[in-house]
């Protein structure tokens, strides 16, 4: 039986088909055929709204088996981690991976949709490993956001990627290595 991975896209016009699809292709290449990657199109990708994306995520996660892996890129990662903290799923997750995710809270980006949670890490499923990735050449989400996440989720594994852009140069080798290490 293959291991389930749910990849949540970032936001913006055309992101699903012209940007984040390259991340999914890289991940699939790196992980190989023993992983089944789901890549749903999120509602109104050009104008992501927390409530709509959270509802879509809850449906997608409910369809997964125990042991699934969740990966979120950019605003998809932000919505994913906040939705998990707000309403933890009723199934065991093997890991949650955030890539170039904007942090919402003190010292970061404001959001009209997401309420900052000073105890974000404490509200996440306790036994689920959390991984954070951010390239220091990201010109969309400031590199400092990974430090904010690391502070909010002190048990997270932090991967600062030298010279990598917001799309991690479409190379998810490090993410795939960490996913495989969970097995």
N, C-alpha and C. Protein backbone atom coordinates (compact mmCIF):
# COMPACT_ATOMS: atom_id res chain seq x y z
N UNK A 1 0.85 -1.19 0.00
CA UNK A 1 0.00 0.00 0.00
C UNK A 1 0.88 1.24 0.00
N UNK A 2 0.52 2.22 -0.81
CA UNK A 2 1.33 3.44 -0.90
C UNK A 2 1.00 4.39 0.25
N UNK A 3 1.96 5.22 0.57
CA UNK A 3 1.82 6.22 1.63
C UNK A 3 1.13 7.45 1.02
N UNK A 4 0.14 7.99 1.72
CA UNK A 4 -0.61 9.14 1.21
C UNK A 4 0.07 10.46 1.61
N UNK A 5 0.17 11.34 0.62
CA UNK A 5 0.68 12.69 0.82
C UNK A 5 -0.35 13.65 0.24
N UNK A 6 -0.71 14.66 1.03
CA UNK A 6 -1.61 15.70 0.55
C UNK A 6 -0.81 16.98 0.42
N UNK A 7 -0.71 17.51 -0.79
CA UNK A 7 0.04 18.73 -1.07
C UNK A 7 -0.94 19.88 -1.25
N UNK A 8 -0.79 20.92 -0.43
CA UNK A 8 -1.67 22.09 -0.49
C UNK A 8 -0.92 23.22 -1.19
N UNK A 9 -1.49 23.69 -2.27
CA UNK A 9 -0.89 24.74 -3.09
C UNK A 9 -0.83 26.07 -2.37
N UNK A 10 -0.04 26.98 -2.92
CA UNK A 10 -0.04 28.37 -2.48
C UNK A 10 -1.16 29.13 -3.17
N UNK A 11 -1.29 30.39 -2.84
CA UNK A 11 -2.34 31.22 -3.42
C UNK A 11 -1.82 32.12 -4.52
N UNK A 12 -2.73 32.53 -5.39
CA UNK A 12 -2.41 33.42 -6.49
C UNK A 12 -3.00 32.89 -7.78
N UNK A 13 -3.24 33.79 -8.71
CA UNK A 13 -3.83 33.41 -9.99
C UNK A 13 -2.93 32.41 -10.72
N UNK A 14 -3.48 31.26 -11.07
CA UNK A 14 -2.75 30.27 -11.86
C UNK A 14 -1.71 29.46 -11.11
N UNK A 15 -1.62 29.61 -9.80
CA UNK A 15 -0.56 28.94 -9.03
C UNK A 15 -0.65 27.41 -9.15
N UNK A 16 -1.85 26.86 -9.10
CA UNK A 16 -2.00 25.40 -9.14
C UNK A 16 -1.38 24.81 -10.40
N UNK A 17 -1.66 25.41 -11.54
CA UNK A 17 -1.25 24.81 -12.82
C UNK A 17 0.07 25.33 -13.38
N UNK A 18 0.56 26.47 -12.90
CA UNK A 18 1.78 27.01 -13.50
C UNK A 18 2.95 27.17 -12.54
N UNK A 19 2.73 27.02 -11.24
CA UNK A 19 3.81 27.19 -10.27
C UNK A 19 3.97 25.97 -9.39
N UNK A 20 2.97 25.71 -8.55
CA UNK A 20 3.12 24.65 -7.56
C UNK A 20 3.07 23.25 -8.15
N UNK A 21 2.55 23.12 -9.36
CA UNK A 21 2.59 21.82 -10.02
C UNK A 21 4.03 21.35 -10.20
N UNK A 22 4.96 22.28 -10.36
CA UNK A 22 6.38 21.93 -10.50
C UNK A 22 6.93 21.38 -9.18
N UNK A 23 6.43 21.91 -8.06
CA UNK A 23 6.83 21.39 -6.76
C UNK A 23 6.32 19.96 -6.58
N UNK A 24 5.07 19.73 -6.97
CA UNK A 24 4.49 18.40 -6.86
C UNK A 24 5.25 17.42 -7.76
N UNK A 25 5.62 17.85 -8.96
CA UNK A 25 6.38 16.98 -9.87
C UNK A 25 7.74 16.62 -9.26
N UNK A 26 8.41 17.59 -8.65
CA UNK A 26 9.69 17.34 -8.00
C UNK A 26 9.52 16.35 -6.85
N UNK A 27 8.50 16.57 -6.03
CA UNK A 27 8.25 15.69 -4.90
C UNK A 27 7.96 14.27 -5.37
N UNK A 28 7.15 14.12 -6.40
CA UNK A 28 6.81 12.80 -6.93
C UNK A 28 8.06 12.10 -7.46
N UNK A 29 8.91 12.82 -8.17
CA UNK A 29 10.17 12.25 -8.68
C UNK A 29 11.04 11.77 -7.53
N UNK A 30 11.17 12.60 -6.51
CA UNK A 30 12.04 12.29 -5.38
C UNK A 30 11.50 11.14 -4.52
N UNK A 31 10.19 11.09 -4.34
CA UNK A 31 9.61 10.06 -3.47
C UNK A 31 9.44 8.72 -4.17
N UNK A 32 9.14 8.75 -5.45
CA UNK A 32 8.96 7.50 -6.18
C UNK A 32 7.54 6.96 -6.06
N UNK A 33 7.32 5.77 -6.63
CA UNK A 33 5.98 5.23 -6.77
C UNK A 33 5.33 4.72 -5.48
N UNK A 34 6.07 4.64 -4.39
CA UNK A 34 5.46 4.13 -3.16
C UNK A 34 4.69 5.22 -2.40
N UNK A 35 4.62 6.41 -2.98
CA UNK A 35 3.87 7.51 -2.39
C UNK A 35 2.79 7.98 -3.35
N UNK A 36 1.60 8.18 -2.83
CA UNK A 36 0.46 8.68 -3.61
C UNK A 36 0.25 10.14 -3.20
N UNK A 37 0.46 11.06 -4.15
CA UNK A 37 0.36 12.48 -3.84
C UNK A 37 -0.96 13.05 -4.35
N UNK A 38 -1.75 13.54 -3.42
CA UNK A 38 -2.97 14.26 -3.78
C UNK A 38 -2.65 15.73 -3.90
N UNK A 39 -3.19 16.37 -4.93
CA UNK A 39 -2.91 17.79 -5.19
C UNK A 39 -4.21 18.48 -5.60
N UNK A 40 -5.08 18.73 -4.62
CA UNK A 40 -6.38 19.34 -4.96
C UNK A 40 -6.24 20.82 -5.33
N UNK A 41 -7.12 21.25 -6.17
CA UNK A 41 -7.21 22.68 -6.51
C UNK A 41 -8.01 23.35 -5.39
N UNK A 42 -7.41 24.35 -4.77
CA UNK A 42 -8.08 25.03 -3.67
C UNK A 42 -9.04 26.08 -4.23
N UNK A 43 -10.11 26.37 -3.47
CA UNK A 43 -11.13 27.31 -3.97
C UNK A 43 -10.60 28.73 -4.11
N UNK A 44 -10.94 29.35 -5.20
CA UNK A 44 -10.59 30.76 -5.45
C UNK A 44 -9.11 31.02 -5.17
N UNK A 45 -8.25 30.27 -5.86
CA UNK A 45 -6.81 30.35 -5.59
C UNK A 45 -6.24 31.76 -5.74
N UNK A 46 -6.83 32.58 -6.58
CA UNK A 46 -6.32 33.94 -6.78
C UNK A 46 -6.58 34.83 -5.57
N UNK A 47 -7.56 34.46 -4.76
CA UNK A 47 -7.92 35.25 -3.58
C UNK A 47 -8.23 34.29 -2.42
N UNK A 48 -7.19 33.65 -1.85
CA UNK A 48 -7.42 32.64 -0.83
C UNK A 48 -8.09 33.21 0.42
N UNK A 49 -9.10 32.51 0.87
CA UNK A 49 -9.82 32.89 2.10
C UNK A 49 -9.72 31.73 3.08
N UNK A 50 -9.40 32.05 4.31
CA UNK A 50 -9.18 31.03 5.33
C UNK A 50 -10.37 30.09 5.47
N UNK A 51 -11.57 30.61 5.62
CA UNK A 51 -12.74 29.75 5.86
C UNK A 51 -12.97 28.77 4.70
N UNK A 52 -12.86 29.24 3.48
CA UNK A 52 -13.08 28.37 2.32
C UNK A 52 -11.99 27.31 2.20
N UNK A 53 -10.74 27.73 2.37
CA UNK A 53 -9.63 26.77 2.26
C UNK A 53 -9.66 25.79 3.43
N UNK A 54 -9.99 26.26 4.62
CA UNK A 54 -10.07 25.39 5.79
C UNK A 54 -11.13 24.31 5.56
N UNK A 55 -12.29 24.70 5.07
CA UNK A 55 -13.35 23.73 4.79
C UNK A 55 -12.89 22.70 3.75
N UNK A 56 -12.22 23.16 2.70
CA UNK A 56 -11.71 22.25 1.67
C UNK A 56 -10.66 21.31 2.27
N UNK A 57 -9.78 21.84 3.10
CA UNK A 57 -8.75 21.02 3.75
C UNK A 57 -9.38 19.96 4.65
N UNK A 58 -10.37 20.34 5.42
CA UNK A 58 -11.02 19.38 6.31
C UNK A 58 -11.61 18.22 5.52
N UNK A 59 -12.21 18.51 4.36
CA UNK A 59 -12.76 17.44 3.51
C UNK A 59 -11.64 16.55 2.97
N UNK A 60 -10.57 17.16 2.51
CA UNK A 60 -9.44 16.40 1.96
C UNK A 60 -8.80 15.52 3.03
N UNK A 61 -8.58 16.08 4.21
CA UNK A 61 -7.95 15.33 5.29
C UNK A 61 -8.84 14.20 5.77
N UNK A 62 -10.15 14.44 5.82
CA UNK A 62 -11.11 13.40 6.25
C UNK A 62 -11.06 12.19 5.32
N UNK A 63 -10.68 12.38 4.07
CA UNK A 63 -10.63 11.28 3.10
C UNK A 63 -9.33 10.48 3.18
N UNK A 64 -8.38 10.93 4.00
CA UNK A 64 -7.08 10.27 4.11
C UNK A 64 -7.11 9.18 5.17
N UNK A 65 -6.21 8.23 5.04
CA UNK A 65 -6.04 7.19 6.05
C UNK A 65 -5.12 7.68 7.16
N UNK A 66 -5.13 7.00 8.28
CA UNK A 66 -4.16 7.30 9.33
C UNK A 66 -2.76 7.18 8.74
N UNK A 67 -1.85 8.04 9.20
CA UNK A 67 -0.48 8.00 8.74
C UNK A 67 -0.19 8.87 7.55
N UNK A 68 -1.16 9.63 7.08
CA UNK A 68 -0.94 10.51 5.92
C UNK A 68 0.03 11.64 6.29
N UNK A 69 0.59 12.24 5.26
CA UNK A 69 1.54 13.35 5.39
C UNK A 69 0.92 14.56 4.72
N UNK A 70 0.98 15.71 5.39
CA UNK A 70 0.44 16.95 4.85
C UNK A 70 1.57 17.91 4.54
N UNK A 71 1.53 18.51 3.34
CA UNK A 71 2.55 19.46 2.92
C UNK A 71 1.85 20.69 2.39
N UNK A 72 2.23 21.86 2.90
CA UNK A 72 1.64 23.11 2.46
C UNK A 72 2.69 24.09 1.99
N UNK A 73 2.44 24.71 0.86
CA UNK A 73 3.36 25.71 0.32
C UNK A 73 2.76 27.10 0.46
N UNK A 74 3.58 28.04 0.90
CA UNK A 74 3.23 29.45 0.98
C UNK A 74 1.95 29.64 1.81
N UNK A 75 0.99 30.40 1.29
CA UNK A 75 -0.23 30.64 2.06
C UNK A 75 -0.99 29.33 2.31
N UNK A 76 -0.81 28.34 1.47
CA UNK A 76 -1.41 27.03 1.72
C UNK A 76 -0.87 26.41 3.01
N UNK A 77 0.42 26.61 3.26
CA UNK A 77 1.01 26.14 4.51
C UNK A 77 0.51 26.91 5.71
N UNK A 78 0.35 28.22 5.53
CA UNK A 78 -0.16 29.06 6.61
C UNK A 78 -1.57 28.64 7.00
N UNK A 79 -2.41 28.46 6.01
CA UNK A 79 -3.79 28.05 6.29
C UNK A 79 -3.81 26.65 6.88
N UNK A 80 -3.00 25.75 6.35
CA UNK A 80 -2.95 24.38 6.84
C UNK A 80 -2.59 24.34 8.33
N UNK A 81 -1.51 24.98 8.72
CA UNK A 81 -1.05 24.88 10.11
C UNK A 81 -2.04 25.54 11.07
N UNK A 82 -2.64 26.63 10.65
CA UNK A 82 -3.62 27.29 11.51
C UNK A 82 -4.91 26.49 11.61
N UNK A 83 -5.32 25.86 10.52
CA UNK A 83 -6.52 25.01 10.55
C UNK A 83 -6.29 23.80 11.44
N UNK A 84 -5.10 23.20 11.38
CA UNK A 84 -4.79 22.06 12.24
C UNK A 84 -4.79 22.45 13.71
N UNK A 85 -4.28 23.65 14.01
CA UNK A 85 -4.26 24.12 15.40
C UNK A 85 -5.67 24.42 15.90
N UNK A 86 -6.49 24.94 15.01
CA UNK A 86 -7.86 25.30 15.39
C UNK A 86 -8.75 24.08 15.57
N UNK A 87 -8.55 23.10 14.69
CA UNK A 87 -9.41 21.92 14.70
C UNK A 87 -8.58 20.70 14.31
N UNK A 88 -7.86 20.09 15.26
CA UNK A 88 -7.02 18.93 14.92
C UNK A 88 -7.85 17.81 14.30
N UNK A 89 -7.30 17.13 13.30
CA UNK A 89 -8.05 16.05 12.64
C UNK A 89 -8.22 14.86 13.58
N UNK A 90 -9.20 14.03 13.27
CA UNK A 90 -9.46 12.85 14.09
C UNK A 90 -8.67 11.64 13.62
N UNK A 91 -7.60 11.87 12.90
CA UNK A 91 -6.75 10.78 12.45
C UNK A 91 -5.29 11.11 12.75
N UNK A 92 -4.49 10.06 12.84
CA UNK A 92 -3.07 10.23 13.11
C UNK A 92 -2.37 10.67 11.82
N UNK A 93 -1.56 11.70 11.94
CA UNK A 93 -0.75 12.17 10.81
C UNK A 93 0.70 11.76 11.04
N UNK A 94 1.40 11.40 9.97
CA UNK A 94 2.82 11.05 10.11
C UNK A 94 3.70 12.29 10.15
N UNK A 95 3.25 13.37 9.55
CA UNK A 95 4.04 14.60 9.55
C UNK A 95 3.32 15.73 8.84
N UNK A 96 3.71 16.95 9.21
CA UNK A 96 3.21 18.17 8.57
C UNK A 96 4.43 18.98 8.14
N UNK A 97 4.43 19.39 6.89
CA UNK A 97 5.56 20.08 6.28
C UNK A 97 5.09 21.43 5.74
N UNK A 98 5.76 22.50 6.16
CA UNK A 98 5.44 23.85 5.66
C UNK A 98 6.63 24.37 4.87
N UNK A 99 6.36 24.90 3.69
CA UNK A 99 7.41 25.44 2.84
C UNK A 99 7.11 26.90 2.51
N UNK A 100 8.05 27.78 2.86
CA UNK A 100 7.94 29.21 2.54
C UNK A 100 6.60 29.79 2.97
N UNK A 101 6.15 29.38 4.15
CA UNK A 101 4.84 29.82 4.63
C UNK A 101 4.93 31.16 5.35
N UNK A 102 4.07 32.11 5.01
CA UNK A 102 4.04 33.36 5.75
C UNK A 102 3.50 33.11 7.16
N UNK A 103 4.13 33.73 8.12
CA UNK A 103 3.68 33.62 9.51
C UNK A 103 2.68 34.74 9.78
N UNK A 104 1.61 34.40 10.47
CA UNK A 104 0.61 35.39 10.85
C UNK A 104 0.69 35.54 12.36
N UNK A 105 1.03 36.73 12.79
CA UNK A 105 1.17 37.00 14.22
C UNK A 105 2.08 38.18 14.45
N UNK A 106 2.49 38.35 15.69
CA UNK A 106 3.34 39.48 16.07
C UNK A 106 4.62 39.51 15.25
N UNK A 107 4.93 40.66 14.68
CA UNK A 107 6.15 40.84 13.91
C UNK A 107 6.11 40.28 12.51
N UNK A 108 4.92 39.97 12.02
CA UNK A 108 4.82 39.34 10.70
C UNK A 108 3.70 39.95 9.88
N UNK A 109 3.11 39.13 9.01
CA UNK A 109 2.06 39.59 8.13
C UNK A 109 0.71 39.65 8.85
N UNK A 110 -0.04 40.70 8.61
CA UNK A 110 -1.39 40.75 9.17
C UNK A 110 -2.34 39.91 8.30
N UNK A 111 -3.42 39.47 8.90
CA UNK A 111 -4.43 38.73 8.16
C UNK A 111 -5.79 39.09 8.71
N UNK A 112 -6.71 39.39 7.81
CA UNK A 112 -8.08 39.63 8.22
C UNK A 112 -8.83 38.33 8.46
N UNK A 113 -8.29 37.24 7.93
CA UNK A 113 -8.94 35.93 8.01
C UNK A 113 -8.46 35.05 9.16
N UNK A 114 -7.16 35.09 9.44
CA UNK A 114 -6.56 34.17 10.41
C UNK A 114 -6.23 34.94 11.68
N UNK A 115 -6.73 34.43 12.79
CA UNK A 115 -6.41 35.04 14.08
C UNK A 115 -5.06 34.49 14.54
N UNK A 116 -4.10 35.37 14.84
CA UNK A 116 -2.81 34.89 15.33
C UNK A 116 -2.97 34.07 16.61
N UNK A 117 -2.20 33.03 16.74
CA UNK A 117 -2.24 32.18 17.92
C UNK A 117 -0.86 32.17 18.57
N UNK A 118 -0.70 32.86 19.71
CA UNK A 118 0.61 32.88 20.35
C UNK A 118 1.06 31.50 20.82
N UNK A 119 0.14 30.58 20.98
CA UNK A 119 0.48 29.22 21.42
C UNK A 119 0.23 28.22 20.29
N UNK A 120 0.62 28.59 19.08
CA UNK A 120 0.37 27.76 17.91
C UNK A 120 0.89 26.34 18.11
N UNK A 121 2.15 26.20 18.50
CA UNK A 121 2.75 24.87 18.67
C UNK A 121 2.03 24.02 19.68
N UNK A 122 1.57 24.60 20.76
CA UNK A 122 0.88 23.87 21.82
C UNK A 122 -0.49 23.37 21.36
N UNK A 123 -1.04 23.98 20.35
CA UNK A 123 -2.39 23.60 19.87
C UNK A 123 -2.35 22.55 18.76
N UNK A 124 -1.15 22.20 18.29
CA UNK A 124 -1.03 21.21 17.22
C UNK A 124 -1.02 19.80 17.80
N UNK A 125 -1.38 18.79 16.97
CA UNK A 125 -1.34 17.41 17.46
C UNK A 125 0.05 17.08 18.02
N UNK A 126 0.11 16.63 19.26
CA UNK A 126 1.37 16.46 19.99
C UNK A 126 2.35 15.49 19.34
N UNK A 127 1.87 14.38 18.86
CA UNK A 127 2.76 13.34 18.35
C UNK A 127 3.14 13.53 16.88
N UNK A 128 2.68 14.60 16.27
CA UNK A 128 2.93 14.81 14.84
C UNK A 128 4.17 15.67 14.62
N UNK A 129 5.19 15.13 13.94
CA UNK A 129 6.37 15.96 13.65
C UNK A 129 6.01 17.08 12.67
N UNK A 130 6.55 18.26 12.93
CA UNK A 130 6.34 19.43 12.08
C UNK A 130 7.69 19.81 11.48
N UNK A 131 7.72 20.06 10.18
CA UNK A 131 8.94 20.45 9.47
C UNK A 131 8.72 21.79 8.80
N UNK A 132 9.71 22.66 8.91
CA UNK A 132 9.66 24.01 8.32
C UNK A 132 10.80 24.17 7.32
N UNK A 133 10.50 24.69 6.13
CA UNK A 133 11.51 24.93 5.09
C UNK A 133 11.34 26.35 4.58
N UNK A 134 12.46 27.03 4.39
CA UNK A 134 12.41 28.38 3.81
C UNK A 134 13.76 28.68 3.19
N UNK A 135 13.73 29.21 1.98
CA UNK A 135 14.95 29.61 1.30
C UNK A 135 15.31 31.04 1.65
N UNK A 136 16.59 31.30 1.82
CA UNK A 136 17.00 32.66 2.20
C UNK A 136 17.03 33.62 1.01
N UNK A 137 16.70 33.13 -0.20
CA UNK A 137 16.58 34.01 -1.37
C UNK A 137 15.11 34.20 -1.76
N UNK A 138 14.20 33.94 -0.83
CA UNK A 138 12.77 34.11 -1.06
C UNK A 138 12.46 35.60 -1.13
N UNK A 139 11.94 36.05 -2.28
CA UNK A 139 11.61 37.47 -2.43
C UNK A 139 10.11 37.73 -2.28
N UNK A 140 9.37 36.72 -1.85
CA UNK A 140 7.92 36.88 -1.64
C UNK A 140 7.59 36.87 -0.15
N UNK A 141 8.03 35.86 0.56
CA UNK A 141 7.83 35.77 2.01
C UNK A 141 9.18 35.97 2.67
N UNK A 142 9.31 36.98 3.53
CA UNK A 142 10.61 37.23 4.16
C UNK A 142 11.16 36.00 4.89
N UNK A 143 12.46 35.80 4.74
CA UNK A 143 13.15 34.67 5.35
C UNK A 143 12.97 34.65 6.88
N UNK A 144 12.76 35.81 7.47
CA UNK A 144 12.59 35.91 8.93
C UNK A 144 11.35 35.15 9.42
N UNK A 145 10.42 34.85 8.53
CA UNK A 145 9.20 34.16 8.95
C UNK A 145 9.49 32.75 9.47
N UNK A 146 10.56 32.12 8.99
CA UNK A 146 10.88 30.78 9.49
C UNK A 146 11.27 30.84 10.97
N UNK A 147 11.93 31.91 11.37
CA UNK A 147 12.30 32.07 12.79
C UNK A 147 11.05 32.29 13.65
N UNK A 148 10.07 33.00 13.11
CA UNK A 148 8.82 33.21 13.84
C UNK A 148 8.08 31.89 14.03
N UNK A 149 8.05 31.07 12.98
CA UNK A 149 7.44 29.74 13.11
C UNK A 149 8.22 28.88 14.10
N UNK A 150 9.55 28.93 14.02
CA UNK A 150 10.38 28.12 14.93
C UNK A 150 10.13 28.50 16.39
N UNK A 151 9.90 29.77 16.64
CA UNK A 151 9.60 30.22 17.99
C UNK A 151 8.19 29.77 18.42
N UNK A 152 7.24 29.85 17.51
CA UNK A 152 5.85 29.47 17.81
C UNK A 152 5.66 27.95 17.91
N UNK A 153 6.52 27.21 17.20
CA UNK A 153 6.44 25.74 17.21
C UNK A 153 7.84 25.22 17.59
N UNK A 154 8.20 25.31 18.86
CA UNK A 154 9.58 25.01 19.27
C UNK A 154 10.03 23.59 18.99
N UNK A 155 9.11 22.66 18.85
CA UNK A 155 9.49 21.27 18.58
C UNK A 155 9.64 20.98 17.08
N UNK A 156 9.47 21.99 16.24
CA UNK A 156 9.56 21.78 14.79
C UNK A 156 11.01 21.56 14.35
N UNK A 157 11.15 20.81 13.27
CA UNK A 157 12.44 20.64 12.61
C UNK A 157 12.56 21.77 11.60
N UNK A 158 13.62 22.55 11.67
CA UNK A 158 13.77 23.75 10.86
C UNK A 158 14.85 23.54 9.82
N UNK A 159 14.51 23.81 8.56
CA UNK A 159 15.45 23.67 7.45
C UNK A 159 15.56 25.02 6.73
N UNK A 160 16.66 25.70 6.97
CA UNK A 160 16.95 26.97 6.28
C UNK A 160 17.78 26.63 5.05
N UNK A 161 17.26 26.95 3.87
CA UNK A 161 17.87 26.52 2.62
C UNK A 161 18.59 27.68 1.94
N UNK A 162 19.88 27.58 1.90
CA UNK A 162 20.72 28.65 1.36
C UNK A 162 20.52 28.82 -0.15
N UNK A 163 20.29 30.09 -0.55
CA UNK A 163 20.18 30.43 -1.96
C UNK A 163 18.89 30.03 -2.64
N UNK A 164 17.93 29.50 -1.90
CA UNK A 164 16.70 29.00 -2.52
C UNK A 164 15.61 30.06 -2.48
N UNK A 165 14.80 30.10 -3.54
CA UNK A 165 13.75 31.11 -3.68
C UNK A 165 12.43 30.63 -3.07
N UNK A 166 11.37 31.39 -3.33
CA UNK A 166 10.06 31.07 -2.76
C UNK A 166 9.56 29.69 -3.19
N UNK A 167 9.92 29.28 -4.39
CA UNK A 167 9.54 27.97 -4.90
C UNK A 167 10.60 26.92 -4.57
N UNK A 168 11.53 27.26 -3.69
CA UNK A 168 12.65 26.38 -3.33
C UNK A 168 13.36 25.88 -4.58
N UNK A 169 13.40 26.73 -5.60
CA UNK A 169 14.01 26.41 -6.90
C UNK A 169 13.40 25.15 -7.53
N UNK A 170 12.12 24.89 -7.19
CA UNK A 170 11.40 23.71 -7.69
C UNK A 170 12.15 22.41 -7.43
N UNK A 171 12.83 22.36 -6.29
CA UNK A 171 13.61 21.19 -5.90
C UNK A 171 13.23 20.81 -4.47
N UNK A 172 12.48 19.74 -4.34
CA UNK A 172 12.02 19.31 -3.02
C UNK A 172 12.78 18.09 -2.51
N UNK A 173 14.06 17.98 -2.89
CA UNK A 173 14.88 16.84 -2.45
C UNK A 173 14.96 16.77 -0.92
N UNK A 174 15.14 17.91 -0.25
CA UNK A 174 15.24 17.91 1.22
C UNK A 174 13.92 17.51 1.86
N UNK A 175 12.84 18.01 1.29
CA UNK A 175 11.51 17.66 1.81
C UNK A 175 11.28 16.17 1.65
N UNK A 176 11.56 15.64 0.47
CA UNK A 176 11.38 14.21 0.21
C UNK A 176 12.23 13.35 1.14
N UNK A 177 13.46 13.77 1.40
CA UNK A 177 14.33 13.01 2.31
C UNK A 177 13.71 12.95 3.71
N UNK A 178 13.16 14.07 4.17
CA UNK A 178 12.52 14.08 5.49
C UNK A 178 11.24 13.25 5.49
N UNK A 179 10.49 13.27 4.39
CA UNK A 179 9.27 12.45 4.29
C UNK A 179 9.65 10.97 4.36
N UNK A 180 10.65 10.59 3.59
CA UNK A 180 11.07 9.17 3.59
C UNK A 180 11.59 8.75 4.95
N UNK A 181 12.23 9.65 5.68
CA UNK A 181 12.77 9.33 7.00
C UNK A 181 11.68 9.04 8.03
N UNK A 182 10.45 9.45 7.75
CA UNK A 182 9.34 9.18 8.67
C UNK A 182 8.93 7.72 8.66
N UNK A 183 9.25 7.02 7.57
CA UNK A 183 8.81 5.61 7.43
C UNK A 183 9.52 4.70 8.40
